[in-house]
């Protein structure tokens, strides 16, 4: 309703959504709750800690870091706030060597005398 009040009258939207106009105005002028204020403060700290840990810590590893900074929060709350802020960890892939061409080991001979040179495409 708040976004569309410039396009439609509040009384019409209140009737469509089946709420009273006074309830809408009371909700609009109400200050944020204590939990909403705490969540906003925690969001700032989570974002700063996320940057400090090189964006590699998930919610479980982030919780002790936040507690060391003096902010106590559960893992589920941290997960919820990270999801709201669209914060994700960078996934590190381990290096996996597939082959080493620079070795001094003997190479097996081509006993079948196979020729791998193509004489024509698809032939």
Protein backbone atom coordinates (compact mmCIF):
# COMPACT_ATOMS: atom_id res chain seq x y z
CA UNK A 1 0.00 0.00 0.00
CA UNK A 2 2.80 2.35 0.87
CA UNK A 3 4.36 2.03 -2.60
CA UNK A 4 1.08 2.46 -4.45
CA UNK A 5 -0.41 5.32 -2.43
CA UNK A 6 0.78 7.83 -5.04
CA UNK A 7 -1.18 6.01 -7.75
CA UNK A 8 -4.31 4.93 -5.83
CA UNK A 9 -6.25 6.45 -2.90
CA UNK A 10 -5.48 4.90 0.47
CA UNK A 11 -9.18 4.45 1.20
CA UNK A 12 -9.64 2.36 -1.95
CA UNK A 13 -6.62 0.17 -1.20
CA UNK A 14 -7.78 -0.25 2.42
CA UNK A 15 -11.15 -1.48 1.20
CA UNK A 16 -9.54 -3.92 -1.27
CA UNK A 17 -7.16 -5.32 1.36
CA UNK A 18 -9.89 -5.30 4.01
CA UNK A 19 -8.04 -3.13 6.54
CA UNK A 20 -9.11 0.12 8.10
CA UNK A 21 -7.50 3.37 7.01
CA UNK A 22 -6.61 4.22 10.61
CA UNK A 23 -4.80 0.85 10.99
CA UNK A 24 -2.74 1.57 7.89
CA UNK A 25 -1.75 5.03 9.16
CA UNK A 26 -0.96 3.62 12.63
CA UNK A 27 1.29 0.99 11.02
CA UNK A 28 2.94 3.58 8.77
CA UNK A 29 3.80 5.93 11.64
CA UNK A 30 4.86 3.20 14.10
CA UNK A 31 8.61 3.16 14.84
CA UNK A 32 10.55 -0.03 14.06
CA UNK A 33 10.40 -2.71 16.75
CA UNK A 34 13.33 -3.54 19.01
CA UNK A 35 13.96 -6.74 17.04
CA UNK A 36 13.96 -4.84 13.72
CA UNK A 37 16.44 -2.33 15.16
CA UNK A 38 18.66 -5.16 16.45
CA UNK A 39 18.46 -6.91 13.07
CA UNK A 40 19.52 -3.71 11.29
CA UNK A 41 22.51 -3.33 13.60
CA UNK A 42 23.38 -7.02 13.23
CA UNK A 43 23.20 -6.71 9.43
CA UNK A 44 25.90 -4.04 9.48
CA UNK A 45 28.12 -6.19 11.71
CA UNK A 46 27.51 -9.33 9.60
CA UNK A 47 28.45 -7.48 6.41
CA UNK A 48 31.65 -6.10 8.00
CA UNK A 49 32.62 -9.50 9.41
CA UNK A 50 31.87 -11.14 6.08
CA UNK A 51 34.33 -8.77 4.38
CA UNK A 52 36.90 -9.24 7.15
CA UNK A 53 36.83 -13.02 6.77
CA UNK A 54 37.43 -12.74 3.00
CA UNK A 55 33.83 -13.80 2.27
CA UNK A 56 34.60 -17.43 3.11
CA UNK A 57 32.76 -17.94 6.43
CA UNK A 58 29.27 -19.41 6.56
CA UNK A 59 26.76 -18.80 9.33
CA UNK A 60 28.18 -21.51 11.61
CA UNK A 61 31.74 -20.16 11.44
CA UNK A 62 30.50 -16.56 11.54
CA UNK A 63 28.66 -16.97 14.85
CA UNK A 64 31.79 -17.20 17.09
CA UNK A 65 33.31 -14.25 15.23
CA UNK A 66 30.23 -12.14 15.97
CA UNK A 67 30.19 -13.28 19.58
CA UNK A 68 33.84 -12.28 19.96
CA UNK A 69 32.82 -8.82 18.74
CA UNK A 70 30.06 -8.69 21.38
CA UNK A 71 27.04 -9.56 19.23
CA UNK A 72 25.18 -12.70 20.32
CA UNK A 73 22.94 -14.23 17.69
CA UNK A 74 21.83 -17.72 16.78
CA UNK A 75 22.88 -19.50 13.62
CA UNK A 76 19.34 -19.48 12.23
CA UNK A 77 19.06 -15.71 12.72
CA UNK A 78 22.42 -15.18 11.01
CA UNK A 79 21.30 -17.39 8.12
CA UNK A 80 18.04 -15.46 7.79
CA UNK A 81 19.76 -12.07 7.75
CA UNK A 82 22.44 -13.26 5.30
CA UNK A 83 19.70 -14.53 3.00
CA UNK A 84 17.87 -11.18 3.22
CA UNK A 85 21.08 -9.32 2.38
CA UNK A 86 21.91 -11.84 -0.37
CA UNK A 87 25.33 -12.60 1.14
CA UNK A 88 26.92 -15.86 0.06
CA UNK A 89 30.31 -17.41 0.67
CA UNK A 90 32.90 -17.75 -2.03
CA UNK A 91 33.39 -21.42 -2.74
CA UNK A 92 37.03 -22.41 -2.88
CA UNK A 93 37.89 -25.29 -5.17
CA UNK A 94 40.83 -27.44 -4.26
CA UNK A 95 43.58 -27.69 -6.85
CA UNK A 96 43.57 -31.07 -8.47
CA UNK A 97 46.47 -32.00 -10.71
CA UNK A 98 45.21 -34.11 -13.60
CA UNK A 99 48.48 -34.89 -15.30
CA UNK A 100 52.14 -34.00 -15.16
CA UNK A 101 53.74 -33.81 -18.61
CA UNK A 102 57.08 -32.58 -17.31
CA UNK A 103 58.47 -35.80 -15.85
CA UNK A 104 61.51 -37.96 -16.47
CA UNK A 105 59.69 -41.28 -16.26
CA UNK A 106 59.80 -43.62 -19.26
CA UNK A 107 56.90 -43.38 -21.71
CA UNK A 108 55.29 -46.62 -22.90
CA UNK A 109 56.00 -47.55 -26.49
CA UNK A 110 53.28 -47.72 -29.14
CA UNK A 111 53.28 -51.52 -29.49
CA UNK A 112 50.20 -51.61 -31.77
CA UNK A 113 51.75 -49.10 -34.20
CA UNK A 114 48.51 -47.14 -34.24
CA UNK A 115 48.39 -44.02 -36.34
CA UNK A 116 46.31 -41.25 -34.77
CA UNK A 117 46.59 -38.86 -37.72
CA UNK A 118 43.28 -38.28 -39.49
CA UNK A 119 43.38 -38.57 -43.27
CA UNK A 120 40.05 -36.74 -43.73
CA UNK A 121 37.36 -35.26 -41.48
CA UNK A 122 34.86 -37.81 -40.10
CA UNK A 123 36.70 -40.57 -41.90
